[in-house]
Amino acid sequence: FFGQIEVPALVSTSVAIMSQAHADTGLLPSTFSPAGVTKGTAGVLSSAFAVVCQMAGMGILQLAYMLRQGGWLCLALILACALATNYTGKLLISCCYDEGGSRVNKNYAEIGFAAFGSLGKVCARVFENATLFGVSTLFLILGGKFLEEIFPQAGLSTRTWIAIGGAIVAVPVLAFRTIGEAKFVSMIGVLAVGAVVAAVVVEALMVEFGEAQPKKSTDLFLPEGIIPAFSAMALAFAAHAGLPSVEASMRDPSKFPQSFNLAYTCVMLLYLPVAIIGYAIYGDGVYSPILCSLPHNNWVQYAAKSLITAHVLLTYPVLMTLFFTELESSWGLQSGSSAYLLKRSGLRLSMIAITILVAEFVPYFDSMMSLVGAVCVVMTTFIMPAAFFLRLRAKKVRERVLPLLVAAMGVLGGSIGAVQASIDLVSKVRSGADPSAG
């Protein structure tokens, strides 16, 4: 069955469409190529790697489960989400410039203010920070789940491991004042994701061609699973909040679309093999996260889980440092201010404790991922970039059509997905569902 699914063909098709989207001035304004902009030092490759570092993460662990939810046709959903978020990323960057090509907005919040005044700025900041907070909480849940499976002899529950993991990651959050002091962990994280992809693919193929094959059943299309899959899929392509900084750091900002397309190509080459092979091998028995589907008591599984655990525990401080940098700046909490260290430590410890408490109360990775994706990430990757572009840059009717469709896709999928994920979480909490169950 692997011969019937062409991964390179899917990737090359998506790259071709992304390139055409940039070339067609009906989709992006011709003034997108900036002039007179202060240049950074990053090239196309390093900028693409920076985007991959932000994007490639725990979303990959849910991909095969998304196919279980919606069937093989969810591959089209993965491709559609990739194309839509690639497009909105370019829309967002175009909103950094005025009609003359001068860079006038340097971050998401400034774009929001330019588009809708104080309301737009507040919305941008709220959903940016909610995404950072929600994803950080998800990382604690995933770390606790895998630590329980890596150290079963300890006899500790998922919730206990969440608390232990939270105590560990609190140290660098308190130690690092800015993201520049913690950025090295992003590179470690993306290398860990690449290693996990290799481990999952190799182990799955060993299961397929081994003597003991799991009983599996796959479906072509399950309509009831499309919305939950869409909500979780949004997280797999969440990098928009950091795109203005990446683009500003480039030597030639006009090459951002080329770098962005390259990043998406790399991410799709990571995502598609795990999704296709994972679902093909394990079928309706595939778990979320997919590492729980691998044979137990196997060194490959332990190595993969150890790598992804290291990844999420290393990335938590990065995300929370970003969260606190914005929060502390808005509150006027700067170095040199009265009782700065005491206030900063108190604020950070309080917010870390809240993420731990949320993870302890609802330690259900798949449902929480769908909720965070539907409520927060859909806004920052689908709805707001399209809305800002429509307000700031769209002058012609044909420039409005596609952004409106993307925004409508986000509103519909996000709204329904948030309701479904909330109902699922409430049901699990009331029934006392086991968070360690696959």
Protein backbone atom coordinates (compact mmCIF):
# COMPACT_ATOMS: atom_id res chain seq x y z
CA PHE A 1 0.00 0.00 0.00
CA PHE A 2 2.97 2.37 0.40
CA GLY A 3 3.46 2.49 -3.35
CA GLN A 4 0.03 4.02 -3.78
CA ILE A 5 0.93 7.09 -1.71
CA GLU A 6 3.56 9.39 -3.18
CA VAL A 7 5.04 11.54 -0.41
CA PRO A 8 7.47 13.42 -2.73
CA ALA A 9 4.57 14.17 -5.07
CA LEU A 10 2.53 15.67 -2.22
CA VAL A 11 5.46 17.80 -1.11
CA SER A 12 6.39 18.99 -4.59
CA THR A 13 2.76 19.84 -5.31
CA SER A 14 2.47 21.93 -2.15
CA VAL A 15 5.74 23.74 -2.90
CA ALA A 16 4.61 24.54 -6.43
CA ILE A 17 1.32 25.97 -5.16
CA MET A 18 3.08 28.01 -2.46
CA SER A 19 5.48 29.45 -5.03
CA GLN A 20 2.62 30.31 -7.37
CA ALA A 21 0.77 32.00 -4.52
CA HIS A 22 3.71 34.33 -4.05
CA ALA A 23 4.15 34.96 -7.76
CA ASP A 24 0.50 35.85 -8.34
CA THR A 25 0.03 39.52 -7.48
CA GLY A 26 -3.65 38.81 -7.06
CA LEU A 27 -2.73 37.04 -3.83
CA LEU A 28 0.03 39.28 -2.53
CA PRO A 29 0.59 42.94 -3.37
CA SER A 30 3.45 43.83 -5.68
CA THR A 31 4.94 46.09 -2.99
CA PHE A 32 5.69 43.00 -0.91
CA SER A 33 9.37 43.25 -1.93
CA PRO A 34 10.68 45.80 0.57
CA ALA A 35 12.89 48.74 -0.26
CA GLY A 36 15.03 50.79 2.06
CA VAL A 37 14.74 48.31 4.92
CA THR A 38 17.39 47.89 7.61
CA LYS A 39 18.96 44.56 6.80
CA GLY A 40 19.90 41.75 9.14
CA THR A 41 22.49 39.05 8.68
CA ALA A 42 20.48 35.84 8.18
CA GLY A 43 20.35 34.12 4.81
CA VAL A 44 17.60 32.08 3.21
CA LEU A 45 18.74 28.79 4.75
CA SER A 46 19.27 30.05 8.29
CA SER A 47 15.93 31.88 8.22
CA ALA A 48 14.19 28.74 7.00
CA PHE A 49 15.81 26.78 9.82
CA ALA A 50 14.59 29.37 12.33
CA VAL A 51 11.02 28.86 11.09
CA VAL A 52 11.40 25.07 11.25
CA CYS A 53 12.65 25.40 14.84
CA GLN A 54 9.47 27.27 15.74
CA MET A 55 7.07 25.07 13.79
CA ALA A 56 8.27 21.46 14.00
CA GLY A 57 7.35 20.07 17.37
CA MET A 58 4.66 18.13 19.12
CA GLY A 59 2.20 18.53 16.24
CA ILE A 60 4.02 15.71 14.51
CA LEU A 61 3.02 13.31 17.29
CA GLN A 62 -0.68 13.81 16.52
CA LEU A 63 -0.60 13.45 12.71
CA ALA A 64 -1.23 9.72 12.43
CA TYR A 65 -4.01 10.03 15.03
CA MET A 66 -5.58 12.75 12.86
CA LEU A 67 -5.79 10.25 10.03
CA ARG A 68 -7.44 7.82 12.44
CA GLN A 69 -9.98 10.55 13.24
CA GLY A 70 -10.76 11.56 9.65
CA GLY A 71 -9.45 8.76 7.42
CA TRP A 72 -6.98 8.88 4.54
CA LEU A 73 -8.62 11.99 3.11
CA CYS A 74 -7.18 13.91 6.07
CA LEU A 75 -3.98 13.95 4.04
CA ALA A 76 -5.76 16.55 1.93
CA LEU A 77 -6.50 18.46 5.14
CA ILE A 78 -2.80 18.43 6.06
CA LEU A 79 -1.95 19.80 2.62
CA ALA A 80 -4.74 22.41 2.81
CA CYS A 81 -3.60 23.61 6.25
CA ALA A 82 -0.01 23.82 5.02
CA LEU A 83 -1.01 25.91 2.02
CA ALA A 84 -3.37 28.13 4.02
CA THR A 85 -0.90 28.86 6.83
CA ASN A 86 1.95 29.39 4.36
CA TYR A 87 -0.25 31.91 2.60
CA THR A 88 -1.32 33.72 5.79
CA GLY A 89 2.31 33.88 6.92
CA LYS A 90 3.13 35.84 3.77
CA LEU A 91 0.05 38.01 4.28
CA LEU A 92 1.23 38.82 7.79
CA ILE A 93 4.69 39.86 6.58
CA SER A 94 3.19 42.03 3.85
CA CYS A 95 1.33 43.88 6.62
CA CYS A 96 4.70 44.93 8.08
CA TYR A 97 5.11 47.32 5.12
CA ASP A 98 3.26 50.34 3.86
CA GLU A 99 2.32 50.85 0.23
CA GLY A 100 5.68 52.45 -0.50
CA GLY A 101 7.61 49.39 0.71
CA SER A 102 8.84 50.88 3.99
CA ARG A 103 8.75 48.66 7.07
CA VAL A 104 6.39 50.33 9.52
CA ASN A 105 5.29 47.45 11.78
CA LYS A 106 7.86 45.25 13.49
CA ASN A 107 5.73 42.67 15.32
CA TYR A 108 2.31 41.06 15.50
CA ALA A 109 0.94 43.56 18.03
CA GLU A 110 1.99 46.57 15.94
CA ILE A 111 0.30 45.06 12.88
CA GLY A 112 -2.85 44.59 14.94
CA PHE A 113 -2.72 48.21 16.08
CA ALA A 114 -2.21 49.48 12.52
CA ALA A 115 -5.20 47.44 11.35
CA PHE A 116 -7.76 47.90 14.15
CA GLY A 117 -6.24 50.27 16.69
CA SER A 118 -6.03 49.33 20.36
CA LEU A 119 -8.51 46.47 19.91
CA GLY A 120 -6.33 44.85 17.26
CA LYS A 121 -3.22 45.26 19.42
CA VAL A 122 -4.91 43.75 22.46
CA CYS A 123 -6.30 40.81 20.46
CA ALA A 124 -2.89 40.10 18.95
CA ARG A 125 -1.20 40.11 22.34
CA VAL A 126 -3.91 38.09 24.07
CA PHE A 127 -3.91 35.29 21.52
CA GLU A 128 -0.12 35.29 21.14
CA ASN A 129 0.33 34.90 24.89
CA ALA A 130 -2.55 32.44 25.20
CA THR A 131 -0.88 30.28 22.55
CA LEU A 132 2.49 30.38 24.35
CA PHE A 133 0.78 29.56 27.65
CA GLY A 134 -1.36 26.78 26.16
CA VAL A 135 1.47 25.11 24.28
CA SER A 136 3.71 25.29 27.35
CA THR A 137 0.99 23.49 29.32
CA LEU A 138 0.75 20.86 26.59
CA PHE A 139 4.50 20.33 26.84
CA LEU A 140 4.17 19.63 30.55
CA ILE A 141 1.42 17.08 29.88
CA LEU A 142 3.45 15.34 27.20
CA GLY A 143 6.61 15.39 29.31
CA GLY A 144 4.77 13.90 32.28
CA LYS A 145 3.18 11.19 30.13
CA PHE A 146 6.50 10.10 28.64
CA LEU A 147 8.44 10.32 31.90
CA GLU A 148 5.94 7.88 33.41
CA GLU A 149 6.57 5.45 30.55
CA ILE A 150 10.36 5.91 30.54
CA PHE A 151 10.60 5.25 34.29
CA PRO A 152 7.79 2.75 35.04
CA GLN A 153 9.80 1.26 37.91
CA ALA A 154 9.35 4.51 39.84
CA GLY A 155 5.63 3.77 40.18
CA LEU A 156 4.69 7.45 39.84
CA SER A 157 1.55 8.66 38.07
CA THR A 158 1.39 11.02 35.08
CA ARG A 159 0.25 13.85 37.36
CA THR A 160 3.21 13.32 39.70
CA TRP A 161 5.64 13.39 36.77
CA ILE A 162 3.98 16.60 35.51
CA ALA A 163 4.75 18.23 38.85
CA ILE A 164 8.34 16.97 38.77
CA GLY A 165 8.80 18.15 35.18
CA GLY A 166 7.35 21.53 36.09
CA ALA A 167 9.82 21.91 38.95
CA ILE A 168 12.71 21.06 36.61
CA VAL A 169 11.76 23.52 33.86
CA ALA A 170 11.08 26.29 36.36
CA VAL A 171 14.82 26.66 36.94
CA PRO A 172 15.82 27.94 33.46
CA VAL A 173 12.68 30.10 33.26
CA LEU A 174 13.81 31.88 36.42
CA ALA A 175 17.46 31.98 35.31
CA PHE A 176 17.03 33.30 31.74
CA ARG A 177 15.80 36.87 31.51
CA THR A 178 15.34 36.99 27.70
CA ILE A 179 14.87 34.54 24.86
CA GLY A 180 18.34 35.39 23.49
CA GLU A 181 19.85 33.63 26.48
CA ALA A 182 17.81 30.46 25.84
CA LYS A 183 17.64 30.26 22.03
CA PHE A 184 20.08 27.33 21.76
CA VAL A 185 17.42 24.91 22.96
CA SER A 186 15.35 25.49 19.80
CA MET A 187 18.06 23.91 17.66
CA ILE A 188 18.31 20.96 20.04
CA GLY A 189 14.54 20.57 19.82
CA VAL A 190 14.34 20.41 16.02
CA LEU A 191 17.19 17.89 15.91
CA ALA A 192 15.25 15.78 18.42
CA VAL A 193 12.15 15.93 16.20
CA GLY A 194 14.18 14.74 13.20
CA ALA A 195 15.55 11.84 15.22
CA VAL A 196 12.05 10.92 16.37
CA VAL A 197 10.80 10.89 12.78
CA ALA A 198 13.54 8.43 11.83
CA ALA A 199 12.82 6.27 14.88
CA VAL A 200 9.07 6.13 14.25
CA VAL A 201 9.44 5.34 10.55
CA VAL A 202 12.09 2.66 11.05
CA GLU A 203 10.25 1.00 13.92
CA ALA A 204 6.92 1.07 12.10
CA LEU A 205 8.45 -0.54 9.03
CA MET A 206 10.06 -3.21 11.23
CA VAL A 207 6.62 -3.97 12.65
CA GLU A 208 5.05 -4.10 9.18
CA PHE A 209 7.56 -6.54 7.77
CA GLY A 210 8.08 -8.52 10.96
CA GLU A 211 6.33 -11.69 12.01
CA ALA A 212 3.94 -10.15 14.54
CA GLN A 213 1.89 -7.57 12.68
CA PRO A 214 -0.77 -5.58 14.56
CA LYS A 215 -4.39 -5.97 13.54
CA LYS A 216 -5.29 -2.80 11.75
CA SER A 217 -8.15 -1.21 9.87
CA THR A 218 -8.01 2.07 8.00
CA ASP A 219 -10.79 4.24 6.61
CA LEU A 220 -10.96 6.44 3.56
CA PHE A 221 -13.12 9.14 5.13
CA LEU A 222 -14.68 9.75 8.55
CA PRO A 223 -16.51 13.09 8.36
CA GLU A 224 -17.08 13.36 12.12
CA GLY A 225 -13.32 13.48 12.69
CA ILE A 226 -12.45 16.31 10.30
CA ILE A 227 -13.05 19.22 12.70
CA PRO A 228 -11.07 17.74 15.64
CA ALA A 229 -8.27 16.91 13.21
CA PHE A 230 -8.30 20.48 11.87
CA SER A 231 -8.07 21.97 15.36
CA ALA A 232 -5.02 19.90 16.23
CA MET A 233 -3.51 20.42 12.78
CA ALA A 234 -3.38 24.19 13.36
CA LEU A 235 -0.72 23.60 16.03
CA ALA A 236 1.45 21.70 13.57
CA PHE A 237 1.93 24.90 11.54
CA ALA A 238 1.99 27.48 14.34
CA ALA A 239 4.93 29.85 13.85
CA HIS A 240 3.29 33.11 12.82
CA ALA A 241 3.98 35.09 15.98
CA GLY A 242 7.72 34.89 15.34
CA LEU A 243 7.67 35.51 11.58
CA PRO A 244 8.14 39.32 11.67
CA SER A 245 11.33 38.84 13.70
CA VAL A 246 12.62 36.17 11.33
CA GLU A 247 11.94 38.31 8.26
CA ALA A 248 13.55 41.37 9.85
CA SER A 249 16.72 39.40 10.57
CA MET A 250 17.30 38.54 6.89
CA ARG A 251 20.01 40.13 4.75
CA ASP A 252 17.51 40.33 1.91
CA PRO A 253 13.96 40.50 3.34
CA SER A 254 12.50 40.24 -0.18
CA LYS A 255 13.60 36.59 -0.15
CA PHE A 256 11.42 35.78 2.84
CA PRO A 257 8.79 33.94 0.69
CA GLN A 258 11.55 31.72 -0.72
CA SER A 259 12.87 30.98 2.76
CA PHE A 260 9.34 30.40 4.09
CA ASN A 261 8.56 27.93 1.29
CA LEU A 262 11.80 26.09 2.04
CA ALA A 263 10.83 25.83 5.71
CA TYR A 264 7.44 24.38 4.79
CA THR A 265 9.08 21.88 2.46
CA CYS A 266 11.32 20.66 5.30
CA VAL A 267 8.39 20.46 7.71
CA MET A 268 6.25 18.50 5.23
CA LEU A 269 9.13 16.07 4.69
CA LEU A 270 9.07 15.47 8.43
CA TYR A 271 5.30 15.34 8.81
CA LEU A 272 4.06 13.24 5.89
CA PRO A 273 6.13 10.07 6.48
CA VAL A 274 5.07 9.91 10.13
CA ALA A 275 1.41 10.49 9.27
CA ILE A 276 1.23 8.06 6.34
CA ILE A 277 3.38 5.25 7.70
CA GLY A 278 1.99 5.54 11.21
CA TYR A 279 -1.63 5.24 10.08
CA ALA A 280 -0.87 2.60 7.47
CA ILE A 281 0.89 0.37 10.02
CA TYR A 282 -1.30 0.87 13.10
CA GLY A 283 -4.62 1.94 11.53
CA ASP A 284 -7.48 2.47 13.96
CA GLY A 285 -5.18 1.35 16.78
CA VAL A 286 -2.80 4.29 16.45
CA TYR A 287 -2.48 6.38 19.59
CA SER A 288 -1.89 10.04 20.34
CA PRO A 289 1.00 10.64 20.68
CA ILE A 290 2.16 8.12 18.09
CA LEU A 291 5.16 7.05 20.16
CA CYS A 292 2.71 5.20 22.40
CA SER A 293 1.93 2.95 19.40
CA LEU A 294 5.49 1.64 19.15
CA PRO A 295 6.25 -1.77 20.69
CA HIS A 296 6.87 -1.48 24.41
CA ASN A 297 10.13 -2.49 26.11
CA ASN A 298 12.01 -1.59 22.95
CA TRP A 299 15.15 0.55 22.83
CA VAL A 300 13.85 2.49 19.82
CA GLN A 301 10.74 3.49 21.74
CA TYR A 302 12.74 4.48 24.81
CA ALA A 303 15.19 6.49 22.71
CA ALA A 304 12.41 8.27 20.80
CA LYS A 305 10.45 9.06 23.96
CA SER A 306 13.59 10.28 25.69
CA LEU A 307 14.38 12.59 22.78
CA ILE A 308 10.91 14.07 22.57
CA THR A 309 10.77 14.45 26.37
CA ALA A 310 14.06 16.33 26.24
CA HIS A 311 12.63 18.43 23.41
CA VAL A 312 9.45 19.46 25.23
CA LEU A 313 11.20 20.10 28.54
CA LEU A 314 13.86 22.18 26.80
CA THR A 315 11.33 24.12 24.73
CA TYR A 316 9.04 24.95 27.67
CA PRO A 317 11.54 27.52 29.04
CA VAL A 318 11.84 29.11 25.58
CA LEU A 319 8.08 29.56 25.22
CA MET A 320 7.58 30.79 28.76
CA THR A 321 10.52 33.19 28.44
CA LEU A 322 8.83 34.67 25.36
CA PHE A 323 5.59 34.87 27.33
CA PHE A 324 7.24 36.63 30.26
CA THR A 325 9.27 39.03 28.10
CA GLU A 326 6.04 40.41 26.64
CA LEU A 327 4.17 40.37 29.96
CA GLU A 328 6.95 42.03 31.95
CA SER A 329 7.42 44.70 29.29
CA SER A 330 3.70 45.59 29.30
CA TRP A 331 3.74 45.80 33.11
CA GLY A 332 6.84 48.01 33.16
CA LEU A 333 8.87 45.36 34.96
CA GLN A 334 12.37 46.15 33.67
CA SER A 335 15.88 45.57 34.97
CA GLY A 336 16.81 48.32 37.41
CA SER A 337 13.27 48.93 38.63
CA SER A 338 12.40 48.73 42.31
CA ALA A 339 12.55 45.17 43.72
CA TYR A 340 12.92 43.94 40.13
CA LEU A 341 14.32 40.48 40.89
CA LEU A 342 11.76 39.76 43.60
CA LYS A 343 8.83 40.90 41.45
CA ARG A 344 10.08 39.04 38.37
CA SER A 345 10.64 35.82 40.30
CA GLY A 346 7.24 36.05 41.97
CA LEU A 347 5.45 36.65 38.67
CA ARG A 348 7.25 33.83 36.90
CA LEU A 349 6.78 31.33 39.71
CA SER A 350 3.07 32.15 39.86
CA MET A 351 2.52 31.61 36.12
CA ILE A 352 4.60 28.43 36.08
CA ALA A 353 2.48 27.13 38.96
CA ILE A 354 -0.68 27.88 36.94
CA THR A 355 0.58 25.90 33.94
CA ILE A 356 1.36 22.99 36.26
CA LEU A 357 -2.09 23.17 37.88
CA VAL A 358 -3.84 23.23 34.49
CA ALA A 359 -1.76 20.28 33.29
CA GLU A 360 -2.55 18.41 36.51
CA PHE A 361 -6.29 19.06 36.22
CA VAL A 362 -6.68 18.18 32.52
CA PRO A 363 -3.71 15.95 31.60
CA TYR A 364 -5.30 14.70 28.36
CA PHE A 365 -2.89 15.44 25.53
CA ASP A 366 -5.09 14.83 22.48
CA SER A 367 -8.09 16.82 23.74
CA MET A 368 -6.00 19.68 25.13
CA MET A 369 -4.10 19.90 21.86
CA SER A 370 -7.36 20.23 19.93
CA LEU A 371 -8.63 22.89 22.36
CA VAL A 372 -5.47 25.01 22.24
CA GLY A 373 -5.39 24.69 18.46
CA ALA A 374 -9.03 25.66 18.04
CA VAL A 375 -9.12 28.55 20.51
CA CYS A 376 -5.68 30.12 20.19
CA VAL A 377 -3.68 28.94 17.19
CA VAL A 378 -6.48 29.20 14.63
CA MET A 379 -6.76 32.88 15.54
CA THR A 380 -3.03 33.61 15.12
CA THR A 381 -2.48 31.50 11.99
CA PHE A 382 -5.76 31.73 10.06
CA ILE A 383 -8.09 34.51 11.17
CA MET A 384 -5.99 37.46 12.32
CA PRO A 385 -3.42 37.47 9.47
CA ALA A 386 -6.25 37.42 6.93
CA ALA A 387 -8.21 40.11 8.79
CA PHE A 388 -5.15 42.37 9.12
CA PHE A 389 -4.35 41.98 5.43
CA LEU A 390 -7.91 42.78 4.41
CA ARG A 391 -7.79 45.93 6.51
CA LEU A 392 -4.31 47.15 5.57
CA ARG A 393 -3.34 45.89 2.15
CA ALA A 394 -6.21 44.45 0.11
CA LYS A 395 -7.22 47.08 -2.44
CA LYS A 396 -8.73 45.00 -5.22
CA VAL A 397 -11.61 42.55 -5.11
CA ARG A 398 -9.45 39.62 -6.19
CA GLU A 399 -7.06 40.39 -3.31
CA ARG A 400 -9.93 39.92 -0.87
CA VAL A 401 -11.38 36.61 -2.02
CA LEU A 402 -8.75 34.16 -0.77
CA PRO A 403 -8.14 35.89 2.60
CA LEU A 404 -11.89 35.84 3.23
CA LEU A 405 -12.05 32.12 2.44
CA VAL A 406 -9.11 31.38 4.74
CA ALA A 407 -10.64 33.44 7.55
CA ALA A 408 -14.00 31.69 7.10
CA MET A 409 -12.22 28.32 7.21
CA GLY A 410 -10.60 29.34 10.49
CA VAL A 411 -13.79 30.69 12.07
CA LEU A 412 -15.84 27.63 11.18
CA GLY A 413 -13.22 25.02 12.06
CA GLY A 414 -12.05 26.82 15.20
CA SER A 415 -15.53 27.43 16.60
CA ILE A 416 -16.78 23.89 16.13
CA GLY A 417 -13.43 22.44 17.19
CA ALA A 418 -13.40 24.45 20.43
CA VAL A 419 -16.87 23.22 21.36
CA GLN A 420 -16.05 19.59 20.57
CA ALA A 421 -12.73 19.68 22.42
CA SER A 422 -14.35 21.31 25.46
CA ILE A 423 -17.08 18.67 25.59
CA ASP A 424 -14.47 15.93 25.28
CA LEU A 425 -12.35 17.40 28.09
CA VAL A 426 -15.33 17.82 30.42
CA SER A 427 -16.34 14.23 29.75
CA LYS A 428 -12.85 12.93 30.56
CA VAL A 429 -12.55 14.99 33.73
CA ARG A 430 -15.96 13.88 35.00
CA SER A 431 -15.31 10.24 34.27
CA GLY A 432 -11.81 10.39 35.74
CA ALA A 433 -10.26 9.02 32.53
CA ASP A 434 -6.74 7.66 32.84
CA PRO A 435 -4.33 10.25 31.35
CA SER A 436 -1.69 7.57 30.75
CA ALA A 437 -3.97 5.61 28.41
CA GLY A 438 -3.04 5.83 24.75
